[in-house]
Amino acid sequence: MPLISVSNNEQLRAEYCADGNYPVIFYFYNECNLTCDDVNPIFEQVAQEYSEQILALYVNYSCQSLVDGTDFTVEATPTVIVGINGIESCEDKLVESQITEESLRALFQKYCN
């Protein structure tokens, strides 16, 4: 599965609920955030390595309205959230300094088939 870039509400909602019981890993970033600049290539690399098993989405989070109509809670960028069956997994959420190559690999590995 390719790494999919999401830039609007309709696309986010469609991907959020589209895969049923299949886990989807959402990466919320902001183009103006320097931490995101550091994390973006790490997320992309790990997501590509697991692309056969897990759908990963890049979500350009430029305003709060992007998550309206979903159960996502994004308070800062970057944030990585696992969504299953249209519901955010609270135990599997990484925020800012928690996002490292090791933590991303562990998260992806947890949801591999």
PDB file of N, CA and C in Angstrom:
ATOM      1  N   MET A   1       0.845  -1.173   0.000  1.00  0.00           N
ATOM      2  CA  MET A   1       0.000   0.000   0.000  1.00  0.00           C
ATOM      3  C   MET A   1       0.891   1.236   0.000  1.00  0.00           C
ATOM      4  N   PRO A   2       0.579   2.173  -0.822  1.00  0.00           N
ATOM      5  CA  PRO A   2       1.415   3.371  -0.875  1.00  0.00           C
ATOM      6  C   PRO A   2       1.181   4.266   0.337  1.00  0.00           C
ATOM      7  N   LEU A   3       2.135   5.106   0.613  1.00  0.00           N
ATOM      8  CA  LEU A   3       1.983   6.141   1.629  1.00  0.00           C
ATOM      9  C   LEU A   3       1.079   7.196   1.007  1.00  0.00           C
ATOM     10  N   ILE A   4      -0.033   7.500   1.651  1.00  0.00           N
ATOM     11  CA  ILE A   4      -1.022   8.410   1.078  1.00  0.00           C
ATOM     12  C   ILE A   4      -0.967   9.753   1.787  1.00  0.00           C
ATOM     13  N   SER A   5      -0.968  10.815   1.014  1.00  0.00           N
ATOM     14  CA  SER A   5      -0.974  12.165   1.562  1.00  0.00           C
ATOM     15  C   SER A   5      -2.415  12.667   1.622  1.00  0.00           C
ATOM     16  N   VAL A   6      -2.809  13.190   2.782  1.00  0.00           N
ATOM     17  CA  VAL A   6      -4.167  13.682   2.998  1.00  0.00           C
ATOM     18  C   VAL A   6      -4.093  15.171   3.293  1.00  0.00           C
ATOM     19  N   SER A   7      -4.906  15.948   2.595  1.00  0.00           N
ATOM     20  CA  SER A   7      -4.836  17.392   2.799  1.00  0.00           C
ATOM     21  C   SER A   7      -6.183  18.059   3.023  1.00  0.00           C
ATOM     22  N   ASN A   8      -7.268  17.274   3.095  1.00  0.00           N
ATOM     23  CA  ASN A   8      -8.558  17.896   3.361  1.00  0.00           C
ATOM     24  C   ASN A   8      -9.452  16.963   4.176  1.00  0.00           C
ATOM     25  N   ASN A   9     -10.506  17.539   4.728  1.00  0.00           N
ATOM     26  CA  ASN A   9     -11.421  16.817   5.611  1.00  0.00           C
ATOM     27  C   ASN A   9     -12.059  15.595   4.957  1.00  0.00           C
ATOM     28  N   GLU A  10     -12.528  15.752   3.737  1.00  0.00           N
ATOM     29  CA  GLU A  10     -13.224  14.669   3.059  1.00  0.00           C
ATOM     30  C   GLU A  10     -12.310  13.452   2.889  1.00  0.00           C
ATOM     31  N   GLN A  11     -11.101  13.712   2.479  1.00  0.00           N
ATOM     32  CA  GLN A  11     -10.117  12.644   2.293  1.00  0.00           C
ATOM     33  C   GLN A  11      -9.805  11.964   3.628  1.00  0.00           C
ATOM     34  N   LEU A  12      -9.622  12.755   4.688  1.00  0.00           N
ATOM     35  CA  LEU A  12      -9.318  12.197   6.006  1.00  0.00           C
ATOM     36  C   LEU A  12     -10.450  11.310   6.490  1.00  0.00           C
ATOM     37  N   ARG A  13     -11.674  11.795   6.405  1.00  0.00           N
ATOM     38  CA  ARG A  13     -12.827  10.999   6.849  1.00  0.00           C
ATOM     39  C   ARG A  13     -12.959   9.712   6.038  1.00  0.00           C
ATOM     40  N   ALA A  14     -12.742   9.802   4.737  1.00  0.00           N
ATOM     41  CA  ALA A  14     -12.859   8.619   3.878  1.00  0.00           C
ATOM     42  C   ALA A  14     -11.818   7.570   4.267  1.00  0.00           C
ATOM     43  N   GLU A  15     -10.581   7.969   4.457  1.00  0.00           N
ATOM     44  CA  GLU A  15      -9.524   7.034   4.825  1.00  0.00           C
ATOM     45  C   GLU A  15      -9.696   6.540   6.253  1.00  0.00           C
ATOM     46  N   TYR A  16     -10.190   7.389   7.119  1.00  0.00           N
ATOM     47  CA  TYR A  16     -10.372   7.095   8.534  1.00  0.00           C
ATOM     48  C   TYR A  16     -11.280   5.889   8.743  1.00  0.00           C
ATOM     49  N   CYS A  17     -12.335   5.816   7.967  1.00  0.00           N
ATOM     50  CA  CYS A  17     -13.313   4.750   8.164  1.00  0.00           C
ATOM     51  C   CYS A  17     -13.278   3.681   7.077  1.00  0.00           C
ATOM     52  N   ALA A  18     -12.478   3.842   6.061  1.00  0.00           N
ATOM     53  CA  ALA A  18     -12.540   2.981   4.878  1.00  0.00           C
ATOM     54  C   ALA A  18     -12.077   1.554   5.117  1.00  0.00           C
ATOM     55  N   ASP A  19     -11.135   1.350   5.998  1.00  0.00           N
ATOM     56  CA  ASP A  19     -10.517   0.046   6.089  1.00  0.00           C
ATOM     57  C   ASP A  19     -11.069  -0.860   7.176  1.00  0.00           C
ATOM     58  N   GLY A  20     -12.175  -0.494   7.791  1.00  0.00           N
ATOM     59  CA  GLY A  20     -12.798  -1.377   8.766  1.00  0.00           C
ATOM     60  C   GLY A  20     -11.861  -1.783   9.887  1.00  0.00           C
ATOM     61  N   ASN A  21     -11.653  -3.068  10.051  1.00  0.00           N
ATOM     62  CA  ASN A  21     -10.820  -3.574  11.138  1.00  0.00           C
ATOM     63  C   ASN A  21      -9.330  -3.473  10.850  1.00  0.00           C
ATOM     64  N   TYR A  22      -8.965  -3.007   9.698  1.00  0.00           N
ATOM     65  CA  TYR A  22      -7.571  -2.876   9.300  1.00  0.00           C
ATOM     66  C   TYR A  22      -6.981  -1.624   9.963  1.00  0.00           C
ATOM     67  N   PRO A  23      -5.830  -1.753  10.629  1.00  0.00           N
ATOM     68  CA  PRO A  23      -5.246  -0.564  11.256  1.00  0.00           C
ATOM     69  C   PRO A  23      -4.691   0.420  10.223  1.00  0.00           C
ATOM     70  N   VAL A  24      -4.887   1.690  10.523  1.00  0.00           N
ATOM     71  CA  VAL A  24      -4.350   2.758   9.691  1.00  0.00           C
ATOM     72  C   VAL A  24      -3.509   3.642  10.605  1.00  0.00           C
ATOM     73  N   ILE A  25      -2.285   3.940  10.196  1.00  0.00           N
ATOM     74  CA  ILE A  25      -1.429   4.809  10.994  1.00  0.00           C
ATOM     75  C   ILE A  25      -1.407   6.186  10.349  1.00  0.00           C
ATOM     76  N   PHE A  26      -1.874   7.156  11.117  1.00  0.00           N
ATOM     77  CA  PHE A  26      -1.971   8.533  10.666  1.00  0.00           C
ATOM     78  C   PHE A  26      -0.816   9.340  11.239  1.00  0.00           C
ATOM     79  N   TYR A  27      -0.147  10.083  10.403  1.00  0.00           N
ATOM     80  CA  TYR A  27       0.930  10.969  10.832  1.00  0.00           C
ATOM     81  C   TYR A  27       0.489  12.400  10.568  1.00  0.00           C
ATOM     82  N   PHE A  28       0.185  13.128  11.635  1.00  0.00           N
ATOM     83  CA  PHE A  28      -0.225  14.518  11.530  1.00  0.00           C
ATOM     84  C   PHE A  28       1.002  15.409  11.633  1.00  0.00           C
ATOM     85  N   TYR A  29       1.220  16.230  10.614  1.00  0.00           N
ATOM     86  CA  TYR A  29       2.374  17.120  10.606  1.00  0.00           C
ATOM     87  C   TYR A  29       1.938  18.510  10.174  1.00  0.00           C
ATOM     88  N   ASN A  30       2.822  19.466  10.394  1.00  0.00           N
ATOM     89  CA  ASN A  30       2.578  20.837   9.979  1.00  0.00           C
ATOM     90  C   ASN A  30       3.817  21.307   9.228  1.00  0.00           C
ATOM     91  N   GLU A  31       3.630  21.843   8.064  1.00  0.00           N
ATOM     92  CA  GLU A  31       4.749  22.269   7.226  1.00  0.00           C
ATOM     93  C   GLU A  31       5.621  23.337   7.883  1.00  0.00           C
ATOM     94  N   CYS A  32       5.091  24.067   8.852  1.00  0.00           N
ATOM     95  CA  CYS A  32       5.833  25.146   9.486  1.00  0.00           C
ATOM     96  C   CYS A  32       6.518  24.722  10.785  1.00  0.00           C
ATOM     97  N   ASN A  33       6.468  23.450  11.114  1.00  0.00           N
ATOM     98  CA  ASN A  33       7.020  22.966  12.373  1.00  0.00           C
ATOM     99  C   ASN A  33       8.378  22.314  12.121  1.00  0.00           C
ATOM    100  N   LEU A  34       9.427  22.830  12.779  1.00  0.00           N
ATOM    101  CA  LEU A  34      10.770  22.302  12.574  1.00  0.00           C
ATOM    102  C   LEU A  34      10.921  20.870  13.075  1.00  0.00           C
ATOM    103  N   THR A  35      10.203  20.509  14.133  1.00  0.00           N
ATOM    104  CA  THR A  35      10.237  19.122  14.609  1.00  0.00           C
ATOM    105  C   THR A  35       9.691  18.196  13.541  1.00  0.00           C
ATOM    106  N   CYS A  36       8.645  18.616  12.869  1.00  0.00           N
ATOM    107  CA  CYS A  36       8.082  17.814  11.776  1.00  0.00           C
ATOM    108  C   CYS A  36       9.105  17.631  10.660  1.00  0.00           C
ATOM    109  N   ASP A  37       9.871  18.667  10.388  1.00  0.00           N
ATOM    110  CA  ASP A  37      10.904  18.559   9.354  1.00  0.00           C
ATOM    111  C   ASP A  37      11.885  17.441   9.679  1.00  0.00           C
ATOM    112  N   ASP A  38      12.169  17.248  10.957  1.00  0.00           N
ATOM    113  CA  ASP A  38      13.077  16.179  11.376  1.00  0.00           C
ATOM    114  C   ASP A  38      12.410  14.808  11.340  1.00  0.00           C
ATOM    115  N   VAL A  39      11.133  14.753  11.701  1.00  0.00           N
ATOM    116  CA  VAL A  39      10.417  13.478  11.801  1.00  0.00           C
ATOM    117  C   VAL A  39       9.908  12.986  10.447  1.00  0.00           C
ATOM    118  N   ASN A  40       9.563  13.887   9.542  1.00  0.00           N
ATOM    119  CA  ASN A  40       8.989  13.495   8.246  1.00  0.00           C
ATOM    120  C   ASN A  40       9.778  12.389   7.539  1.00  0.00           C
ATOM    121  N   PRO A  41      11.086  12.525   7.349  1.00  0.00           N
ATOM    122  CA  PRO A  41      11.807  11.466   6.627  1.00  0.00           C
ATOM    123  C   PRO A  41      11.862  10.144   7.392  1.00  0.00           C
ATOM    124  N   ILE A  42      11.868  10.208   8.709  1.00  0.00           N
ATOM    125  CA  ILE A  42      11.872   8.979   9.517  1.00  0.00           C
ATOM    126  C   ILE A  42      10.548   8.249   9.349  1.00  0.00           C
ATOM    127  N   PHE A  43       9.437   9.004   9.454  1.00  0.00           N
ATOM    128  CA  PHE A  43       8.122   8.382   9.277  1.00  0.00           C
ATOM    129  C   PHE A  43       7.997   7.787   7.880  1.00  0.00           C
ATOM    130  N   GLU A  44       8.413   8.543   6.882  1.00  0.00           N
ATOM    131  CA  GLU A  44       8.314   8.059   5.506  1.00  0.00           C
ATOM    132  C   GLU A  44       9.109   6.766   5.310  1.00  0.00           C
ATOM    133  N   GLN A  45      10.303   6.712   5.850  1.00  0.00           N
ATOM    134  CA  GLN A  45      11.139   5.521   5.712  1.00  0.00           C
ATOM    135  C   GLN A  45      10.495   4.305   6.369  1.00  0.00           C
ATOM    136  N   VAL A  46      10.041   4.466   7.597  1.00  0.00           N
ATOM    137  CA  VAL A  46       9.435   3.338   8.312  1.00  0.00           C
ATOM    138  C   VAL A  46       8.127   2.925   7.637  1.00  0.00           C
ATOM    139  N   ALA A  47       7.331   3.897   7.239  1.00  0.00           N
ATOM    140  CA  ALA A  47       6.059   3.582   6.570  1.00  0.00           C
ATOM    141  C   ALA A  47       6.295   2.810   5.275  1.00  0.00           C
ATOM    142  N   GLN A  48       7.319   3.195   4.524  1.00  0.00           N
ATOM    143  CA  GLN A  48       7.632   2.488   3.281  1.00  0.00           C
ATOM    144  C   GLN A  48       8.047   1.043   3.563  1.00  0.00           C
ATOM    145  N   GLU A  49       8.802   0.832   4.619  1.00  0.00           N
ATOM    146  CA  GLU A  49       9.248  -0.517   4.966  1.00  0.00           C
ATOM    147  C   GLU A  49       8.082  -1.441   5.311  1.00  0.00           C
ATOM    148  N   TYR A  50       7.014  -0.891   5.855  1.00  0.00           N
ATOM    149  CA  TYR A  50       5.855  -1.686   6.251  1.00  0.00           C
ATOM    150  C   TYR A  50       4.667  -1.505   5.305  1.00  0.00           C
ATOM    151  N   SER A  51       4.908  -0.922   4.144  1.00  0.00           N
ATOM    152  CA  SER A  51       3.815  -0.562   3.239  1.00  0.00           C
ATOM    153  C   SER A  51       3.019  -1.755   2.710  1.00  0.00           C
ATOM    154  N   GLU A  52       3.584  -2.932   2.752  1.00  0.00           N
ATOM    155  CA  GLU A  52       2.850  -4.121   2.308  1.00  0.00           C
ATOM    156  C   GLU A  52       1.836  -4.596   3.348  1.00  0.00           C
ATOM    157  N   GLN A  53       1.995  -4.133   4.591  1.00  0.00           N
ATOM    158  CA  GLN A  53       1.163  -4.655   5.678  1.00  0.00           C
ATOM    159  C   GLN A  53       0.259  -3.628   6.339  1.00  0.00           C
ATOM    160  N   ILE A  54       0.642  -2.354   6.276  1.00  0.00           N
ATOM    161  CA  ILE A  54      -0.108  -1.326   7.000  1.00  0.00           C
ATOM    162  C   ILE A  54      -0.286  -0.097   6.116  1.00  0.00           C
ATOM    163  N   LEU A  55      -1.486   0.453   6.140  1.00  0.00           N
ATOM    164  CA  LEU A  55      -1.748   1.701   5.434  1.00  0.00           C
ATOM    165  C   LEU A  55      -1.285   2.864   6.313  1.00  0.00           C
ATOM    166  N   ALA A  56      -0.451   3.724   5.774  1.00  0.00           N
ATOM    167  CA  ALA A  56       0.036   4.899   6.493  1.00  0.00           C
ATOM    168  C   ALA A  56      -0.371   6.154   5.739  1.00  0.00           C
ATOM    169  N   LEU A  57      -0.842   7.139   6.474  1.00  0.00           N
ATOM    170  CA  LEU A  57      -1.303   8.387   5.873  1.00  0.00           C
ATOM    171  C   LEU A  57      -0.553   9.577   6.432  1.00  0.00           C
ATOM    172  N   TYR A  58      -0.069  10.424   5.544  1.00  0.00           N
ATOM    173  CA  TYR A  58       0.504  11.726   5.900  1.00  0.00           C
ATOM    174  C   TYR A  58      -0.660  12.696   5.936  1.00  0.00           C
ATOM    175  N   VAL A  59      -0.877  13.365   7.053  1.00  0.00           N
ATOM    176  CA  VAL A  59      -1.982  14.311   7.138  1.00  0.00           C
ATOM    177  C   VAL A  59      -1.416  15.699   7.412  1.00  0.00           C
ATOM    178  N   ASN A  60      -1.557  16.579   6.432  1.00  0.00           N
ATOM    179  CA  ASN A  60      -1.098  17.959   6.586  1.00  0.00           C
ATOM    180  C   ASN A  60      -2.086  18.672   7.500  1.00  0.00           C
ATOM    181  N   TYR A  61      -1.683  18.803   8.745  1.00  0.00           N
ATOM    182  CA  TYR A  61      -2.555  19.351   9.781  1.00  0.00           C
ATOM    183  C   TYR A  61      -2.299  20.837   9.936  1.00  0.00           C
ATOM    184  N   SER A  62      -3.004  21.622   9.153  1.00  0.00           N
ATOM    185  CA  SER A  62      -2.792  23.062   9.196  1.00  0.00           C
ATOM    186  C   SER A  62      -3.826  23.784  10.045  1.00  0.00           C
ATOM    187  N   CYS A  63      -4.916  23.100  10.372  1.00  0.00           N
ATOM    188  CA  CYS A  63      -5.926  23.725  11.230  1.00  0.00           C
ATOM    189  C   CYS A  63      -6.771  22.644  11.904  1.00  0.00           C
ATOM    190  N   GLN A  64      -7.368  22.984  13.020  1.00  0.00           N
ATOM    191  CA  GLN A  64      -8.162  22.051  13.812  1.00  0.00           C
ATOM    192  C   GLN A  64      -9.322  21.471  13.019  1.00  0.00           C
ATOM    193  N   SER A  65      -9.891  22.214  12.087  1.00  0.00           N
ATOM    194  CA  SER A  65     -11.068  21.736  11.360  1.00  0.00           C
ATOM    195  C   SER A  65     -10.790  20.463  10.565  1.00  0.00           C
ATOM    196  N   LEU A  66      -9.519  20.155  10.323  1.00  0.00           N
ATOM    197  CA  LEU A  66      -9.197  18.949   9.574  1.00  0.00           C
ATOM    198  C   LEU A  66      -9.660  17.689  10.289  1.00  0.00           C
ATOM    199  N   VAL A  67      -9.692  17.691  11.611  1.00  0.00           N
ATOM    200  CA  VAL A  67     -10.115  16.493  12.335  1.00  0.00           C
ATOM    201  C   VAL A  67     -11.570  16.582  12.799  1.00  0.00           C
ATOM    202  N   ASP A  68     -12.270  17.640  12.456  1.00  0.00           N
ATOM    203  CA  ASP A  68     -13.695  17.728  12.778  1.00  0.00           C
ATOM    204  C   ASP A  68     -14.437  16.569  12.128  1.00  0.00           C
ATOM    205  N   GLY A  69     -15.336  15.967  12.857  1.00  0.00           N
ATOM    206  CA  GLY A  69     -16.094  14.842  12.327  1.00  0.00           C
ATOM    207  C   GLY A  69     -15.395  13.515  12.527  1.00  0.00           C
ATOM    208  N   THR A  70     -14.259  13.527  13.210  1.00  0.00           N
ATOM    209  CA  THR A  70     -13.557  12.288  13.558  1.00  0.00           C
ATOM    210  C   THR A  70     -13.384  12.264  15.068  1.00  0.00           C
ATOM    211  N   ASP A  71     -12.889  11.160  15.575  1.00  0.00           N
ATOM    212  CA  ASP A  71     -12.622  11.055  17.006  1.00  0.00           C
ATOM    213  C   ASP A  71     -11.168  11.353  17.340  1.00  0.00           C
ATOM    214  N   PHE A  72     -10.408  11.869  16.379  1.00  0.00           N
ATOM    215  CA  PHE A  72      -9.003  12.155  16.612  1.00  0.00           C
ATOM    216  C   PHE A  72      -8.816  13.328  17.561  1.00  0.00           C
ATOM    217  N   THR A  73      -7.795  13.217  18.397  1.00  0.00           N
ATOM    218  CA  THR A  73      -7.389  14.313  19.262  1.00  0.00           C
ATOM    219  C   THR A  73      -5.952  14.658  18.904  1.00  0.00           C
ATOM    220  N   VAL A  74      -5.788  15.785  18.243  1.00  0.00           N
ATOM    221  CA  VAL A  74      -4.455  16.242  17.853  1.00  0.00           C
ATOM    222  C   VAL A  74      -4.238  17.586  18.528  1.00  0.00           C
ATOM    223  N   GLU A  75      -3.320  17.602  19.492  1.00  0.00           N
ATOM    224  CA  GLU A  75      -3.057  18.826  20.236  1.00  0.00           C
ATOM    225  C   GLU A  75      -1.754  19.487  19.817  1.00  0.00           C
ATOM    226  N   ALA A  76      -0.886  18.720  19.158  1.00  0.00           N
ATOM    227  CA  ALA A  76       0.402  19.255  18.712  1.00  0.00           C
ATOM    228  C   ALA A  76       0.858  18.448  17.512  1.00  0.00           C
ATOM    229  N   THR A  77       1.774  19.035  16.766  1.00  0.00           N
ATOM    230  CA  THR A  77       2.382  18.291  15.662  1.00  0.00           C
ATOM    231  C   THR A  77       3.869  18.211  15.919  1.00  0.00           C
ATOM    232  N   PRO A  78       4.477  17.121  15.545  1.00  0.00           N
ATOM    233  CA  PRO A  78       3.895  15.945  14.905  1.00  0.00           C
ATOM    234  C   PRO A  78       3.186  15.037  15.908  1.00  0.00           C
ATOM    235  N   THR A  79       2.189  14.313  15.417  1.00  0.00           N
ATOM    236  CA  THR A  79       1.460  13.318  16.196  1.00  0.00           C
ATOM    237  C   THR A  79       1.219  12.107  15.311  1.00  0.00           C
ATOM    238  N   VAL A  80       1.420  10.920  15.864  1.00  0.00           N
ATOM    239  CA  VAL A  80       1.132   9.672  15.165  1.00  0.00           C
ATOM    240  C   VAL A  80       0.010   8.979  15.929  1.00  0.00           C
ATOM    241  N   ILE A  81      -1.059   8.625  15.204  1.00  0.00           N
ATOM    242  CA  ILE A  81      -2.226   7.989  15.806  1.00  0.00           C
ATOM    243  C   ILE A  81      -2.570   6.739  15.011  1.00  0.00           C
ATOM    244  N   VAL A  82      -2.921   5.677  15.715  1.00  0.00           N
ATOM    245  CA  VAL A  82      -3.420   4.473  15.071  1.00  0.00           C
ATOM    246  C   VAL A  82      -4.943   4.528  15.124  1.00  0.00           C
ATOM    247  N   GLY A  83      -5.575   4.320  13.980  1.00  0.00           N
ATOM    248  CA  GLY A  83      -7.021   4.262  13.915  1.00  0.00           C
ATOM    249  C   GLY A  83      -7.451   2.873  13.473  1.00  0.00           C
ATOM    250  N   ILE A  84      -8.386   2.296  14.199  1.00  0.00           N
ATOM    251  CA  ILE A  84      -8.922   0.984  13.844  1.00  0.00           C
ATOM    252  C   ILE A  84     -10.437   1.078  13.842  1.00  0.00           C
ATOM    253  N   ASN A  85     -11.025   0.713  12.710  1.00  0.00           N
ATOM    254  CA  ASN A  85     -12.471   0.720  12.589  1.00  0.00           C
ATOM    255  C   ASN A  85     -13.064   2.099  12.904  1.00  0.00           C
ATOM    256  N   GLY A  86     -12.351   3.136  12.477  1.00  0.00           N
ATOM    257  CA  GLY A  86     -12.845   4.492  12.662  1.00  0.00           C
ATOM    258  C   GLY A  86     -12.672   5.037  14.065  1.00  0.00           C
ATOM    259  N   ILE A  87     -11.886   4.362  14.913  1.00  0.00           N
ATOM    260  CA  ILE A  87     -11.714   4.810  16.295  1.00  0.00           C
ATOM    261  C   ILE A  87     -10.224   4.961  16.593  1.00  0.00           C
ATOM    262  N   GLU A  88      -9.879   6.054  17.262  1.00  0.00           N
ATOM    263  CA  GLU A  88      -8.491   6.294  17.661  1.00  0.00           C
ATOM    264  C   GLU A  88      -8.087   5.331  18.770  1.00  0.00           C
ATOM    265  N   SER A  89      -6.915   4.745  18.635  1.00  0.00           N
ATOM    266  CA  SER A  89      -6.365   3.889  19.679  1.00  0.00           C
ATOM    267  C   SER A  89      -5.567   4.768  20.640  1.00  0.00           C
ATOM    268  N   CYS A  90      -6.126   5.011  21.811  1.00  0.00           N
ATOM    269  CA  CYS A  90      -5.474   5.918  22.773  1.00  0.00           C
ATOM    270  C   CYS A  90      -4.158   5.371  23.297  1.00  0.00           C
ATOM    271  N   GLU A  91      -4.030   4.063  23.374  1.00  0.00           N
ATOM    272  CA  GLU A  91      -2.786   3.497  23.899  1.00  0.00           C
ATOM    273  C   GLU A  91      -1.659   3.537  22.874  1.00  0.00           C
ATOM    274  N   ASP A  92      -1.984   3.755  21.625  1.00  0.00           N
ATOM    275  CA  ASP A  92      -0.983   3.760  20.565  1.00  0.00           C
ATOM    276  C   ASP A  92      -0.948   5.106  19.862  1.00  0.00           C
ATOM    277  N   LYS A  93      -0.496   6.082  20.605  1.00  0.00           N
ATOM    278  CA  LYS A  93      -0.404   7.446  20.092  1.00  0.00           C
ATOM    279  C   LYS A  93       0.962   7.982  20.486  1.00  0.00           C
ATOM    280  N   LEU A  94       1.657   8.570  19.523  1.00  0.00           N
ATOM    281  CA  LEU A  94       2.966   9.172  19.777  1.00  0.00           C
ATOM    282  C   LEU A  94       2.884  10.662  19.489  1.00  0.00           C
ATOM    283  N   VAL A  95       3.451  11.459  20.388  1.00  0.00           N
ATOM    284  CA  VAL A  95       3.400  12.908  20.235  1.00  0.00           C
ATOM    285  C   VAL A  95       4.801  13.488  20.356  1.00  0.00           C
ATOM    286  N   GLU A  96       5.129  14.375  19.456  1.00  0.00           N
ATOM    287  CA  GLU A  96       6.365  15.157  19.433  1.00  0.00           C
ATOM    288  C   GLU A  96       7.604  14.341  19.803  1.00  0.00           C
ATOM    289  N   SER A  97       8.167  14.553  20.979  1.00  0.00           N
ATOM    290  CA  SER A  97       9.450  13.930  21.335  1.00  0.00           C
ATOM    291  C   SER A  97       9.364  12.410  21.496  1.00  0.00           C
ATOM    292  N   GLN A  98       8.163  11.857  21.583  1.00  0.00           N
ATOM    293  CA  GLN A  98       8.002  10.398  21.662  1.00  0.00           C
ATOM    294  C   GLN A  98       8.267   9.733  20.314  1.00  0.00           C
ATOM    295  N   ILE A  99       8.236  10.504  19.239  1.00  0.00           N
ATOM    296  CA  ILE A  99       8.368   9.949  17.902  1.00  0.00           C
ATOM    297  C   ILE A  99       9.847   9.818  17.545  1.00  0.00           C
ATOM    298  N   THR A 100      10.309   8.580  17.578  1.00  0.00           N
ATOM    299  CA  THR A 100      11.675   8.261  17.177  1.00  0.00           C
ATOM    300  C   THR A 100      11.595   7.116  16.178  1.00  0.00           C
ATOM    301  N   GLU A 101      12.689   6.818  15.544  1.00  0.00           N
ATOM    302  CA  GLU A 101      12.694   5.689  14.621  1.00  0.00           C
ATOM    303  C   GLU A 101      12.313   4.410  15.356  1.00  0.00           C
ATOM    304  N   GLU A 102      12.829   4.219  16.558  1.00  0.00           N
ATOM    305  CA  GLU A 102      12.540   3.016  17.335  1.00  0.00           C
ATOM    306  C   GLU A 102      11.065   2.933  17.729  1.00  0.00           C
ATOM    307  N   SER A 103      10.492   4.049  18.184  1.00  0.00           N
ATOM    308  CA  SER A 103       9.088   4.017  18.597  1.00  0.00           C
ATOM    309  C   SER A 103       8.162   3.798  17.404  1.00  0.00           C
ATOM    310  N   LEU A 104       8.527   4.365  16.247  1.00  0.00           N
ATOM    311  CA  LEU A 104       7.718   4.144  15.044  1.00  0.00           C
ATOM    312  C   LEU A 104       7.792   2.689  14.594  1.00  0.00           C
ATOM    313  N   ARG A 105       8.996   2.121  14.595  1.00  0.00           N
ATOM    314  CA  ARG A 105       9.141   0.710  14.204  1.00  0.00           C
ATOM    315  C   ARG A 105       8.333  -0.200  15.130  1.00  0.00           C
ATOM    316  N   ALA A 106       8.384   0.076  16.420  1.00  0.00           N
ATOM    317  CA  ALA A 106       7.627  -0.726  17.381  1.00  0.00           C
ATOM    318  C   ALA A 106       6.128  -0.623  17.123  1.00  0.00           C
ATOM    319  N   LEU A 107       5.665   0.573  16.812  1.00  0.00           N
ATOM    320  CA  LEU A 107       4.240   0.779  16.535  1.00  0.00           C
ATOM    321  C   LEU A 107       3.817   0.050  15.269  1.00  0.00           C
ATOM    322  N   PHE A 108       4.577   0.208  14.198  1.00  0.00           N
ATOM    323  CA  PHE A 108       4.260  -0.476  12.948  1.00  0.00           C
ATOM    324  C   PHE A 108       4.304  -1.995  13.148  1.00  0.00           C
ATOM    325  N   GLN A 109       5.326  -2.461  13.841  1.00  0.00           N
ATOM    326  CA  GLN A 109       5.491  -3.895  14.059  1.00  0.00           C
ATOM    327  C   GLN A 109       4.302  -4.463  14.836  1.00  0.00           C
ATOM    328  N   LYS A 110       3.808  -3.727  15.795  1.00  0.00           N
ATOM    329  CA  LYS A 110       2.677  -4.182  16.607  1.00  0.00           C
ATOM    330  C   LYS A 110       1.446  -4.479  15.746  1.00  0.00           C
ATOM    331  N   TYR A 111       1.276  -3.734  14.667  1.00  0.00           N
ATOM    332  CA  TYR A 111       0.087  -3.890  13.838  1.00  0.00           C
ATOM    333  C   TYR A 111       0.324  -4.668  12.552  1.00  0.00           C
ATOM    334  N   CYS A 112       1.513  -5.243  12.390  1.00  0.00           N
ATOM    335  CA  CYS A 112       1.757  -6.092  11.229  1.00  0.00           C
ATOM    336  C   CYS A 112       0.974  -7.391  11.363  1.00  0.00           C
ATOM    337  N   ASN A 113       0.576  -7.913  10.227  1.00  0.00           N
ATOM    338  CA  ASN A 113      -0.189  -9.174  10.252  1.00  0.00           C
ATOM    339  C   ASN A 113       0.676 -10.322  10.709  1.00  0.00           C
TER     340      ASN A 113
END
